[in-house]
PDB file of N, CA and C in Angstrom:
ATOM      1  N   MET A   1      -6.808  16.681   6.925  1.00  0.00           N
ATOM      2  CA  MET A   1      -6.079  15.878   7.855  1.00  0.00           C
ATOM      3  C   MET A   1      -4.782  16.781   8.289  1.00  0.00           C
ATOM      4  N   ILE A   2      -4.504  16.707   9.450  1.00  0.00           N
ATOM      5  CA  ILE A   2      -3.278  17.297   9.998  1.00  0.00           C
ATOM      6  C   ILE A   2      -2.149  16.357   9.594  1.00  0.00           C
ATOM      7  N   GLU A   3      -1.121  16.844   9.043  1.00  0.00           N
ATOM      8  CA  GLU A   3      -0.022  16.036   8.516  1.00  0.00           C
ATOM      9  C   GLU A   3       0.924  15.483   9.717  1.00  0.00           C
ATOM     10  N   PRO A   4       0.888  14.174   9.688  1.00  0.00           N
ATOM     11  CA  PRO A   4       1.645  13.491  10.861  1.00  0.00           C
ATOM     12  C   PRO A   4       3.118  13.551  10.420  1.00  0.00           C
ATOM     13  N   HIS A   5       3.966  13.718  11.517  1.00  0.00           N
ATOM     14  CA  HIS A   5       5.341  13.770  11.138  1.00  0.00           C
ATOM     15  C   HIS A   5       6.142  12.521  11.680  1.00  0.00           C
ATOM     16  N   GLN A   6       5.500  11.639  12.431  1.00  0.00           N
ATOM     17  CA  GLN A   6       6.137  10.406  12.903  1.00  0.00           C
ATOM     18  C   GLN A   6       5.348   9.302  12.471  1.00  0.00           C
ATOM     19  N   LYS A   7       6.009   8.080  12.385  1.00  0.00           N
ATOM     20  CA  LYS A   7       5.318   6.879  11.991  1.00  0.00           C
ATOM     21  C   LYS A   7       4.292   6.470  13.036  1.00  0.00           C
ATOM     22  N   SER A   8       4.614   6.834  14.267  1.00  0.00           N
ATOM     23  CA  SER A   8       3.631   6.521  15.304  1.00  0.00           C
ATOM     24  C   SER A   8       2.299   7.230  15.121  1.00  0.00           C
ATOM     25  N   ASP A   9       2.354   8.326  14.520  1.00  0.00           N
ATOM     26  CA  ASP A   9       1.137   9.218  14.298  1.00  0.00           C
ATOM     27  C   ASP A   9       0.381   8.612  13.180  1.00  0.00           C
ATOM     28  N   ILE A  10       1.040   8.169  12.181  1.00  0.00           N
ATOM     29  CA  ILE A  10       0.465   7.485  10.895  1.00  0.00           C
ATOM     30  C   ILE A  10      -0.189   6.241  11.435  1.00  0.00           C
ATOM     31  N   GLU A  11       0.478   5.461  12.235  1.00  0.00           N
ATOM     32  CA  GLU A  11      -0.035   4.177  12.775  1.00  0.00           C
ATOM     33  C   GLU A  11      -1.448   4.411  13.467  1.00  0.00           C
ATOM     34  N   LEU A  12      -1.438   5.455  14.234  1.00  0.00           N
ATOM     35  CA  LEU A  12      -2.668   5.873  14.913  1.00  0.00           C
ATOM     36  C   LEU A  12      -3.838   6.163  13.952  1.00  0.00           C
ATOM     37  N   LEU A  13      -3.519   6.851  12.899  1.00  0.00           N
ATOM     38  CA  LEU A  13      -4.490   7.200  11.884  1.00  0.00           C
ATOM     39  C   LEU A  13      -4.954   6.015  11.069  1.00  0.00           C
ATOM     40  N   LEU A  14      -4.045   5.039  10.906  1.00  0.00           N
ATOM     41  CA  LEU A  14      -4.457   3.816  10.197  1.00  0.00           C
ATOM     42  C   LEU A  14      -5.326   2.968  11.004  1.00  0.00           C
ATOM     43  N   LYS A  15      -5.415   3.242  12.386  1.00  0.00           N
ATOM     44  CA  LYS A  15      -6.278   2.407  13.098  1.00  0.00           C
ATOM     45  C   LYS A  15      -7.668   3.081  13.362  1.00  0.00           C
ATOM     46  N   SER A  16      -7.877   4.285  12.644  1.00  0.00           N
ATOM     47  CA  SER A  16      -9.144   4.951  12.735  1.00  0.00           C
ATOM     48  C   SER A  16     -10.289   4.126  12.333  1.00  0.00           C
ATOM     49  N   ASN A  17     -11.458   4.482  12.726  1.00  0.00           N
ATOM     50  CA  ASN A  17     -12.703   3.889  12.166  1.00  0.00           C
ATOM     51  C   ASN A  17     -13.251   4.731  10.975  1.00  0.00           C
ATOM     52  N   ASP A  18     -12.620   5.838  10.679  1.00  0.00           N
ATOM     53  CA  ASP A  18     -12.998   6.710   9.631  1.00  0.00           C
ATOM     54  C   ASP A  18     -12.306   6.373   8.338  1.00  0.00           C
ATOM     55  N   GLU A  19     -13.014   5.992   7.268  1.00  0.00           N
ATOM     56  CA  GLU A  19     -12.430   5.602   6.043  1.00  0.00           C
ATOM     57  C   GLU A  19     -11.489   6.565   5.452  1.00  0.00           C
ATOM     58  N   GLN A  20     -11.924   7.896   5.430  1.00  0.00           N
ATOM     59  CA  GLN A  20     -11.166   8.942   4.777  1.00  0.00           C
ATOM     60  C   GLN A  20      -9.896   9.218   5.533  1.00  0.00           C
ATOM     61  N   THR A  21      -9.903   9.046   6.802  1.00  0.00           N
ATOM     62  CA  THR A  21      -8.757   9.262   7.664  1.00  0.00           C
ATOM     63  C   THR A  21      -7.650   8.204   7.257  1.00  0.00           C
ATOM     64  N   ILE A  22      -8.050   6.983   7.101  1.00  0.00           N
ATOM     65  CA  ILE A  22      -7.207   5.930   6.681  1.00  0.00           C
ATOM     66  C   ILE A  22      -6.692   6.151   5.372  1.00  0.00           C
ATOM     67  N   LEU A  23      -7.513   6.480   4.351  1.00  0.00           N
ATOM     68  CA  LEU A  23      -7.055   6.744   2.921  1.00  0.00           C
ATOM     69  C   LEU A  23      -6.088   7.794   2.949  1.00  0.00           C
ATOM     70  N   ASP A  24      -6.339   8.901   3.713  1.00  0.00           N
ATOM     71  CA  ASP A  24      -5.342  10.085   3.787  1.00  0.00           C
ATOM     72  C   ASP A  24      -4.004   9.548   4.310  1.00  0.00           C
ATOM     73  N   ALA A  25      -4.106   8.762   5.315  1.00  0.00           N
ATOM     74  CA  ALA A  25      -2.829   8.276   5.945  1.00  0.00           C
ATOM     75  C   ALA A  25      -2.076   7.389   5.033  1.00  0.00           C
ATOM     76  N   ILE A  26      -2.683   6.479   4.287  1.00  0.00           N
ATOM     77  CA  ILE A  26      -2.086   5.686   3.301  1.00  0.00           C
ATOM     78  C   ILE A  26      -1.347   6.539   2.255  1.00  0.00           C
ATOM     79  N   MET A  27      -2.144   7.545   1.703  1.00  0.00           N
ATOM     80  CA  MET A  27      -1.572   8.455   0.680  1.00  0.00           C
ATOM     81  C   MET A  27      -0.278   9.174   1.335  1.00  0.00           C
ATOM     82  N   TYR A  28      -0.552   9.739   2.445  1.00  0.00           N
ATOM     83  CA  TYR A  28       0.606  10.549   3.153  1.00  0.00           C
ATOM     84  C   TYR A  28       1.819   9.748   3.276  1.00  0.00           C
ATOM     85  N   MET A  29       1.662   8.514   3.825  1.00  0.00           N
ATOM     86  CA  MET A  29       2.928   7.699   4.163  1.00  0.00           C
ATOM     87  C   MET A  29       3.492   7.251   2.766  1.00  0.00           C
ATOM     88  N   THR A  30       2.760   6.943   1.805  1.00  0.00           N
ATOM     89  CA  THR A  30       3.286   6.469   0.510  1.00  0.00           C
ATOM     90  C   THR A  30       4.138   7.594  -0.060  1.00  0.00           C
ATOM     91  N   PHE A  31       3.677   8.907  -0.031  1.00  0.00           N
ATOM     92  CA  PHE A  31       4.431   9.921  -0.811  1.00  0.00           C
ATOM     93  C   PHE A  31       5.314  10.706   0.146  1.00  0.00           C
ATOM     94  N   ASN A  32       5.313  10.483   1.442  1.00  0.00           N
ATOM     95  CA  ASN A  32       6.074  11.336   2.298  1.00  0.00           C
ATOM     96  C   ASN A  32       7.034  10.703   3.355  1.00  0.00           C
ATOM     97  N   VAL A  33       6.902   9.391   3.394  1.00  0.00           N
ATOM     98  CA  VAL A  33       7.843   8.733   4.365  1.00  0.00           C
ATOM     99  C   VAL A  33       8.903   7.898   3.517  1.00  0.00           C
ATOM    100  N   ASN A  34      10.078   8.088   3.870  1.00  0.00           N
ATOM    101  CA  ASN A  34      11.212   7.442   3.194  1.00  0.00           C
ATOM    102  C   ASN A  34      11.672   6.215   3.931  1.00  0.00           C
ATOM    103  N   ASP A  35      10.757   5.140   3.901  1.00  0.00           N
ATOM    104  CA  ASP A  35      10.951   3.810   4.503  1.00  0.00           C
ATOM    105  C   ASP A  35      10.154   2.945   3.754  1.00  0.00           C
ATOM    106  N   PRO A  36      10.496   2.509   2.609  1.00  0.00           N
ATOM    107  CA  PRO A  36       9.694   1.663   1.725  1.00  0.00           C
ATOM    108  C   PRO A  36       9.236   0.346   2.386  1.00  0.00           C
ATOM    109  N   GLU A  37      10.115  -0.259   3.186  1.00  0.00           N
ATOM    110  CA  GLU A  37       9.737  -1.502   3.767  1.00  0.00           C
ATOM    111  C   GLU A  37       8.608  -1.340   4.889  1.00  0.00           C
ATOM    112  N   TRP A  38       8.656  -0.278   5.557  1.00  0.00           N
ATOM    113  CA  TRP A  38       7.552   0.104   6.606  1.00  0.00           C
ATOM    114  C   TRP A  38       6.295   0.384   5.862  1.00  0.00           C
ATOM    115  N   ILE A  39       6.351   1.160   4.873  1.00  0.00           N
ATOM    116  CA  ILE A  39       5.174   1.582   4.030  1.00  0.00           C
ATOM    117  C   ILE A  39       4.531   0.343   3.481  1.00  0.00           C
ATOM    118  N   GLN A  40       5.382  -0.590   2.917  1.00  0.00           N
ATOM    119  CA  GLN A  40       4.812  -1.895   2.354  1.00  0.00           C
ATOM    120  C   GLN A  40       4.136  -2.608   3.454  1.00  0.00           C
ATOM    121  N   LYS A  41       4.744  -2.774   4.621  1.00  0.00           N
ATOM    122  CA  LYS A  41       4.239  -3.525   5.673  1.00  0.00           C
ATOM    123  C   LYS A  41       2.855  -2.920   6.085  1.00  0.00           C
ATOM    124  N   LYS A  42       2.679  -1.641   6.115  1.00  0.00           N
ATOM    125  CA  LYS A  42       1.470  -0.950   6.545  1.00  0.00           C
ATOM    126  C   LYS A  42       0.345  -1.204   5.442  1.00  0.00           C
ATOM    127  N   CYS A  43       0.785  -1.097   4.129  1.00  0.00           N
ATOM    128  CA  CYS A  43      -0.171  -1.376   3.082  1.00  0.00           C
ATOM    129  C   CYS A  43      -0.680  -2.754   3.123  1.00  0.00           C
ATOM    130  N   ILE A  44       0.236  -3.774   3.353  1.00  0.00           N
ATOM    131  CA  ILE A  44      -0.177  -5.139   3.411  1.00  0.00           C
ATOM    132  C   ILE A  44      -1.169  -5.324   4.573  1.00  0.00           C
ATOM    133  N   GLU A  45      -0.931  -4.750   5.741  1.00  0.00           N
ATOM    134  CA  GLU A  45      -1.769  -4.765   6.912  1.00  0.00           C
ATOM    135  C   GLU A  45      -3.126  -4.261   6.466  1.00  0.00           C
ATOM    136  N   GLN A  46      -3.182  -3.139   5.765  1.00  0.00           N
ATOM    137  CA  GLN A  46      -4.561  -2.687   5.399  1.00  0.00           C
ATOM    138  C   GLN A  46      -5.334  -3.509   4.435  1.00  0.00           C
ATOM    139  N   ILE A  47      -4.540  -4.140   3.483  1.00  0.00           N
ATOM    140  CA  ILE A  47      -5.215  -5.071   2.565  1.00  0.00           C
ATOM    141  C   ILE A  47      -5.728  -6.327   3.428  1.00  0.00           C
ATOM    142  N   ASN A  48      -4.975  -6.756   4.260  1.00  0.00           N
ATOM    143  CA  ASN A  48      -5.393  -7.999   5.119  1.00  0.00           C
ATOM    144  C   ASN A  48      -6.557  -7.743   6.006  1.00  0.00           C
ATOM    145  N   LEU A  49      -6.663  -6.400   6.381  1.00  0.00           N
ATOM    146  CA  LEU A  49      -7.753  -5.995   7.397  1.00  0.00           C
ATOM    147  C   LEU A  49      -9.084  -6.079   6.621  1.00  0.00           C
ATOM    148  N   LYS A  50      -9.053  -5.761   5.294  1.00  0.00           N
ATOM    149  CA  LYS A  50     -10.291  -5.756   4.445  1.00  0.00           C
ATOM    150  C   LYS A  50     -11.377  -4.846   5.164  1.00  0.00           C
ATOM    151  N   LYS A  51     -10.946  -3.607   5.522  1.00  0.00           N
ATOM    152  CA  LYS A  51     -11.988  -2.689   6.214  1.00  0.00           C
ATOM    153  C   LYS A  51     -12.910  -2.140   5.111  1.00  0.00           C
ATOM    154  N   SER A  52     -12.489  -1.917   3.933  1.00  0.00           N
ATOM    155  CA  SER A  52     -13.317  -1.344   2.867  1.00  0.00           C
ATOM    156  C   SER A  52     -12.646  -1.555   1.513  1.00  0.00           C
ATOM    157  N   SER A  53     -13.509  -1.561   0.495  1.00  0.00           N
ATOM    158  CA  SER A  53     -12.917  -1.750  -0.847  1.00  0.00           C
ATOM    159  C   SER A  53     -11.993  -0.699  -1.247  1.00  0.00           C
ATOM    160  N   ASN A  54     -12.365   0.651  -0.876  1.00  0.00           N
ATOM    161  CA  ASN A  54     -11.543   1.837  -1.089  1.00  0.00           C
ATOM    162  C   ASN A  54     -10.218   1.696  -0.462  1.00  0.00           C
ATOM    163  N   ILE A  55     -10.123   1.298   0.834  1.00  0.00           N
ATOM    164  CA  ILE A  55      -8.839   1.181   1.494  1.00  0.00           C
ATOM    165  C   ILE A  55      -8.044   0.122   0.987  1.00  0.00           C
ATOM    166  N   THR A  56      -8.618  -1.126   0.757  1.00  0.00           N
ATOM    167  CA  THR A  56      -7.960  -2.179   0.164  1.00  0.00           C
ATOM    168  C   THR A  56      -7.367  -1.842  -1.230  1.00  0.00           C
ATOM    169  N   GLY A  57      -8.094  -1.165  -2.093  1.00  0.00           N
ATOM    170  CA  GLY A  57      -7.715  -0.925  -3.438  1.00  0.00           C
ATOM    171  C   GLY A  57      -6.572   0.187  -3.397  1.00  0.00           C
ATOM    172  N   LEU A  58      -6.724   1.136  -2.441  1.00  0.00           N
ATOM    173  CA  LEU A  58      -5.693   2.214  -2.443  1.00  0.00           C
ATOM    174  C   LEU A  58      -4.345   1.495  -2.008  1.00  0.00           C
ATOM    175  N   ALA A  59      -4.421   0.644  -1.009  1.00  0.00           N
ATOM    176  CA  ALA A  59      -3.237  -0.025  -0.376  1.00  0.00           C
ATOM    177  C   ALA A  59      -2.534  -0.888  -1.546  1.00  0.00           C
ATOM    178  N   ILE A  60      -3.327  -1.547  -2.324  1.00  0.00           N
ATOM    179  CA  ILE A  60      -2.792  -2.301  -3.442  1.00  0.00           C
ATOM    180  C   ILE A  60      -2.030  -1.393  -4.454  1.00  0.00           C
ATOM    181  N   THR A  61      -2.725  -0.359  -4.821  1.00  0.00           N
ATOM    182  CA  THR A  61      -2.099   0.648  -5.710  1.00  0.00           C
ATOM    183  C   THR A  61      -0.816   1.157  -5.117  1.00  0.00           C
ATOM    184  N   CYS A  62      -0.833   1.481  -3.892  1.00  0.00           N
ATOM    185  CA  CYS A  62       0.354   2.080  -3.298  1.00  0.00           C
ATOM    186  C   CYS A  62       1.584   1.109  -3.205  1.00  0.00           C
ATOM    187  N   LEU A  63       1.316  -0.161  -3.264  1.00  0.00           N
ATOM    188  CA  LEU A  63       2.442  -1.080  -3.279  1.00  0.00           C
ATOM    189  C   LEU A  63       3.076  -0.896  -4.620  1.00  0.00           C
ATOM    190  N   GLY A  64       2.403  -0.569  -5.753  1.00  0.00           N
ATOM    191  CA  GLY A  64       3.059  -0.265  -6.966  1.00  0.00           C
ATOM    192  C   GLY A  64       3.800   1.090  -6.945  1.00  0.00           C
ATOM    193  N   HIS A  65       3.207   2.061  -6.194  1.00  0.00           N
ATOM    194  CA  HIS A  65       3.902   3.363  -6.004  1.00  0.00           C
ATOM    195  C   HIS A  65       5.145   3.280  -5.250  1.00  0.00           C
ATOM    196  N   ILE A  66       5.153   2.339  -4.209  1.00  0.00           N
ATOM    197  CA  ILE A  66       6.435   2.098  -3.558  1.00  0.00           C
ATOM    198  C   ILE A  66       7.641   1.721  -4.561  1.00  0.00           C
ATOM    199  N   ALA A  67       7.273   0.714  -5.353  1.00  0.00           N
ATOM    200  CA  ALA A  67       8.275   0.275  -6.344  1.00  0.00           C
ATOM    201  C   ALA A  67       8.619   1.380  -7.261  1.00  0.00           C
ATOM    202  N   ARG A  68       7.702   2.148  -7.733  1.00  0.00           N
ATOM    203  CA  ARG A  68       7.972   3.352  -8.573  1.00  0.00           C
ATOM    204  C   ARG A  68       8.882   4.518  -7.899  1.00  0.00           C
ATOM    205  N   LEU A  69       8.502   4.759  -6.622  1.00  0.00           N
ATOM    206  CA  LEU A  69       9.095   5.823  -5.961  1.00  0.00           C
ATOM    207  C   LEU A  69      10.506   5.578  -5.388  1.00  0.00           C
ATOM    208  N   HIS A  70      10.570   4.276  -4.927  1.00  0.00           N
ATOM    209  CA  HIS A  70      11.803   3.883  -4.195  1.00  0.00           C
ATOM    210  C   HIS A  70      12.679   2.799  -4.978  1.00  0.00           C
ATOM    211  N   GLY A  71      12.084   2.239  -6.008  1.00  0.00           N
ATOM    212  CA  GLY A  71      12.893   1.239  -6.737  1.00  0.00           C
ATOM    213  C   GLY A  71      13.030  -0.045  -5.998  1.00  0.00           C
ATOM    214  N   VAL A  72      12.367  -0.357  -4.874  1.00  0.00           N
ATOM    215  CA  VAL A  72      12.406  -1.558  -4.227  1.00  0.00           C
ATOM    216  C   VAL A  72      11.191  -1.982  -3.745  1.00  0.00           C
ATOM    217  N   ILE A  73      11.010  -3.350  -3.487  1.00  0.00           N
ATOM    218  CA  ILE A  73       9.835  -3.916  -2.791  1.00  0.00           C
ATOM    219  C   ILE A  73      10.357  -5.262  -2.260  1.00  0.00           C
ATOM    220  N   ASN A  74       9.671  -5.686  -1.193  1.00  0.00           N
ATOM    221  CA  ASN A  74       9.949  -6.999  -0.660  1.00  0.00           C
ATOM    222  C   ASN A  74       9.118  -7.929  -1.486  1.00  0.00           C
ATOM    223  N   GLU A  75       9.664  -8.544  -2.425  1.00  0.00           N
ATOM    224  CA  GLU A  75       8.959  -9.409  -3.354  1.00  0.00           C
ATOM    225  C   GLU A  75       8.411 -10.710  -2.644  1.00  0.00           C
ATOM    226  N   ASN A  76       9.129 -11.106  -1.621  1.00  0.00           N
ATOM    227  CA  ASN A  76       8.759 -12.346  -0.953  1.00  0.00           C
ATOM    228  C   ASN A  76       7.363 -12.194  -0.229  1.00  0.00           C
ATOM    229  N   THR A  77       6.987 -11.044   0.130  1.00  0.00           N
ATOM    230  CA  THR A  77       5.704 -10.733   0.860  1.00  0.00           C
ATOM    231  C   THR A  77       4.640 -10.187  -0.073  1.00  0.00           C
ATOM    232  N   THR A  78       5.116  -9.429  -1.037  1.00  0.00           N
ATOM    233  CA  THR A  78       4.267  -8.671  -1.893  1.00  0.00           C
ATOM    234  C   THR A  78       3.733  -9.361  -3.119  1.00  0.00           C
ATOM    235  N   ILE A  79       4.653 -10.022  -3.791  1.00  0.00           N
ATOM    236  CA  ILE A  79       4.289 -10.823  -5.050  1.00  0.00           C
ATOM    237  C   ILE A  79       3.222 -11.893  -4.843  1.00  0.00           C
ATOM    238  N   PRO A  80       3.383 -12.715  -3.779  1.00  0.00           N
ATOM    239  CA  PRO A  80       2.396 -13.695  -3.576  1.00  0.00           C
ATOM    240  C   PRO A  80       0.968 -13.152  -3.187  1.00  0.00           C
ATOM    241  N   LEU A  81       0.986 -12.079  -2.544  1.00  0.00           N
ATOM    242  CA  LEU A  81      -0.314 -11.437  -2.186  1.00  0.00           C
ATOM    243  C   LEU A  81      -0.917 -10.795  -3.399  1.00  0.00           C
ATOM    244  N   LEU A  82      -0.180 -10.193  -4.165  1.00  0.00           N
ATOM    245  CA  LEU A  82      -0.747  -9.571  -5.379  1.00  0.00           C
ATOM    246  C   LEU A  82      -1.237 -10.678  -6.357  1.00  0.00           C
ATOM    247  N   LYS A  83      -0.460 -11.705  -6.442  1.00  0.00           N
ATOM    248  CA  LYS A  83      -0.940 -12.901  -7.402  1.00  0.00           C
ATOM    249  C   LYS A  83      -2.217 -13.389  -6.909  1.00  0.00           C
ATOM    250  N   LYS A  84      -2.381 -13.477  -5.579  1.00  0.00           N
ATOM    251  CA  LYS A  84      -3.531 -14.030  -4.938  1.00  0.00           C
ATOM    252  C   LYS A  84      -4.794 -12.981  -5.298  1.00  0.00           C
ATOM    253  N   LEU A  85      -4.506 -11.705  -5.318  1.00  0.00           N
ATOM    254  CA  LEU A  85      -5.537 -10.747  -5.619  1.00  0.00           C
ATOM    255  C   LEU A  85      -5.796 -10.671  -6.998  1.00  0.00           C
ATOM    256  N   LEU A  86      -5.068 -11.238  -7.820  1.00  0.00           N
ATOM    257  CA  LEU A  86      -5.387 -11.328  -9.340  1.00  0.00           C
ATOM    258  C   LEU A  86      -6.592 -12.108  -9.577  1.00  0.00           C
ATOM    259  N   LYS A  87      -6.971 -13.015  -8.659  1.00  0.00           N
ATOM    260  CA  LYS A  87      -8.146 -13.914  -8.798  1.00  0.00           C
ATOM    261  C   LYS A  87      -9.324 -13.181  -8.173  1.00  0.00           C
ATOM    262  N   ASP A  88      -9.226 -11.993  -7.549  1.00  0.00           N
ATOM    263  CA  ASP A  88     -10.378 -11.360  -7.016  1.00  0.00           C
ATOM    264  C   ASP A  88     -10.854 -10.252  -8.015  1.00  0.00           C
ATOM    265  N   LYS A  89     -12.080 -10.521  -8.538  1.00  0.00           N
ATOM    266  CA  LYS A  89     -12.572  -9.595  -9.564  1.00  0.00           C
ATOM    267  C   LYS A  89     -12.526  -8.083  -9.239  1.00  0.00           C
ATOM    268  N   GLU A  90     -12.753  -7.818  -7.973  1.00  0.00           N
ATOM    269  CA  GLU A  90     -12.856  -6.422  -7.556  1.00  0.00           C
ATOM    270  C   GLU A  90     -11.435  -5.711  -7.573  1.00  0.00           C
ATOM    271  N   PHE A  91     -10.337  -6.551  -7.303  1.00  0.00           N
ATOM    272  CA  PHE A  91      -9.062  -5.984  -7.071  1.00  0.00           C
ATOM    273  C   PHE A  91      -8.042  -6.484  -8.190  1.00  0.00           C
ATOM    274  N   SER A  92      -8.428  -7.263  -9.042  1.00  0.00           N
ATOM    275  CA  SER A  92      -7.504  -7.865 -10.000  1.00  0.00           C
ATOM    276  C   SER A  92      -6.735  -6.797 -10.935  1.00  0.00           C
ATOM    277  N   GLY A  93      -7.530  -5.672 -11.337  1.00  0.00           N
ATOM    278  CA  GLY A  93      -6.873  -4.658 -12.141  1.00  0.00           C
ATOM    279  C   GLY A  93      -5.906  -3.864 -11.419  1.00  0.00           C
ATOM    280  N   ARG A  94      -6.154  -3.607 -10.133  1.00  0.00           N
ATOM    281  CA  ARG A  94      -5.147  -2.911  -9.268  1.00  0.00           C
ATOM    282  C   ARG A  94      -3.981  -3.738  -9.019  1.00  0.00           C
ATOM    283  N   ALA A  95      -4.274  -5.020  -8.702  1.00  0.00           N
ATOM    284  CA  ALA A  95      -3.108  -6.018  -8.446  1.00  0.00           C
ATOM    285  C   ALA A  95      -2.173  -6.024  -9.710  1.00  0.00           C
ATOM    286  N   GLU A  96      -2.823  -6.155 -10.872  1.00  0.00           N
ATOM    287  CA  GLU A  96      -2.050  -6.252 -12.114  1.00  0.00           C
ATOM    288  C   GLU A  96      -1.317  -4.997 -12.320  1.00  0.00           C
ATOM    289  N   ASP A  97      -1.874  -3.877 -12.041  1.00  0.00           N
ATOM    290  CA  ASP A  97      -1.057  -2.582 -12.237  1.00  0.00           C
ATOM    291  C   ASP A  97       0.130  -2.619 -11.273  1.00  0.00           C
ATOM    292  N   ALA A  98      -0.137  -2.990 -10.004  1.00  0.00           N
ATOM    293  CA  ALA A  98       0.915  -2.996  -9.104  1.00  0.00           C
ATOM    294  C   ALA A  98       2.042  -3.912  -9.421  1.00  0.00           C
ATOM    295  N   LEU A  99       1.736  -5.119  -9.952  1.00  0.00           N
ATOM    296  CA  LEU A  99       2.695  -6.046 -10.374  1.00  0.00           C
ATOM    297  C   LEU A  99       3.533  -5.496 -11.577  1.00  0.00           C
ATOM    298  N   ASP A 100       2.776  -4.812 -12.485  1.00  0.00           N
ATOM    299  CA  ASP A 100       3.505  -4.168 -13.595  1.00  0.00           C
ATOM    300  C   ASP A 100       4.534  -3.084 -13.103  1.00  0.00           C
ATOM    301  N   ASP A 101       4.046  -2.357 -12.135  1.00  0.00           N
ATOM    302  CA  ASP A 101       5.021  -1.262 -11.526  1.00  0.00           C
ATOM    303  C   ASP A 101       6.201  -1.845 -10.936  1.00  0.00           C
ATOM    304  N   ILE A 102       5.938  -2.997 -10.192  1.00  0.00           N
ATOM    305  CA  ILE A 102       7.103  -3.702  -9.532  1.00  0.00           C
ATOM    306  C   ILE A 102       8.077  -4.187 -10.560  1.00  0.00           C
ATOM    307  N   GLU A 103       7.514  -4.853 -11.535  1.00  0.00           N
ATOM    308  CA  GLU A 103       8.394  -5.365 -12.667  1.00  0.00           C
ATOM    309  C   GLU A 103       9.151  -4.237 -13.319  1.00  0.00           C
ATOM    310  N   GLN A 104       8.427  -3.111 -13.632  1.00  0.00           N
ATOM    311  CA  GLN A 104       9.190  -2.043 -14.315  1.00  0.00           C
ATOM    312  C   GLN A 104      10.123  -1.276 -13.479  1.00  0.00           C
ATOM    313  N   PHE A 105       9.848  -1.024 -12.217  1.00  0.00           N
ATOM    314  CA  PHE A 105      10.617  -0.071 -11.453  1.00  0.00           C
ATOM    315  C   PHE A 105      11.586  -0.595 -10.435  1.00  0.00           C
ATOM    316  N   THR A 106      11.509  -1.866 -10.143  1.00  0.00           N
ATOM    317  CA  THR A 106      12.370  -2.350  -9.058  1.00  0.00           C
ATOM    318  C   THR A 106      13.660  -2.775  -9.717  1.00  0.00           C
ATOM    319  N   LYS A 107      14.737  -2.575  -8.907  1.00  0.00           N
ATOM    320  CA  LYS A 107      16.077  -2.919  -9.346  1.00  0.00           C
ATOM    321  C   LYS A 107      16.414  -4.327  -9.192  1.00  0.00           C
ATOM    322  N   LYS A 108      16.720  -5.057 -10.208  1.00  0.00           N
ATOM    323  CA  LYS A 108      16.867  -6.414 -10.149  1.00  0.00           C
ATOM    324  C   LYS A 108      18.365  -6.739  -9.956  1.00  0.00           C
TER     325      LYS A 108
END
């Protein structure tokens, strides 16, 4: 993947029909963009789109990474979503890990 330098480039990659392109874009923005609110919004969008299990799972994990890397998360939007995902067998482990990261790394 060519490394995008603008959020608009990442947004285009996230709209791709290619799963690997989307996965790469999620990883890139999580570790290279210094805008935790925007990254969180994009991860939540990917979760809600339900394009694939891999994309949804990675986006859930990256919510925890945002908390770990930036020390902040918008709990009003993230916590209810993750608690809902705790009831989904496929994603409950990832949701639990993300909630643990949020609890451990966000500044109260």
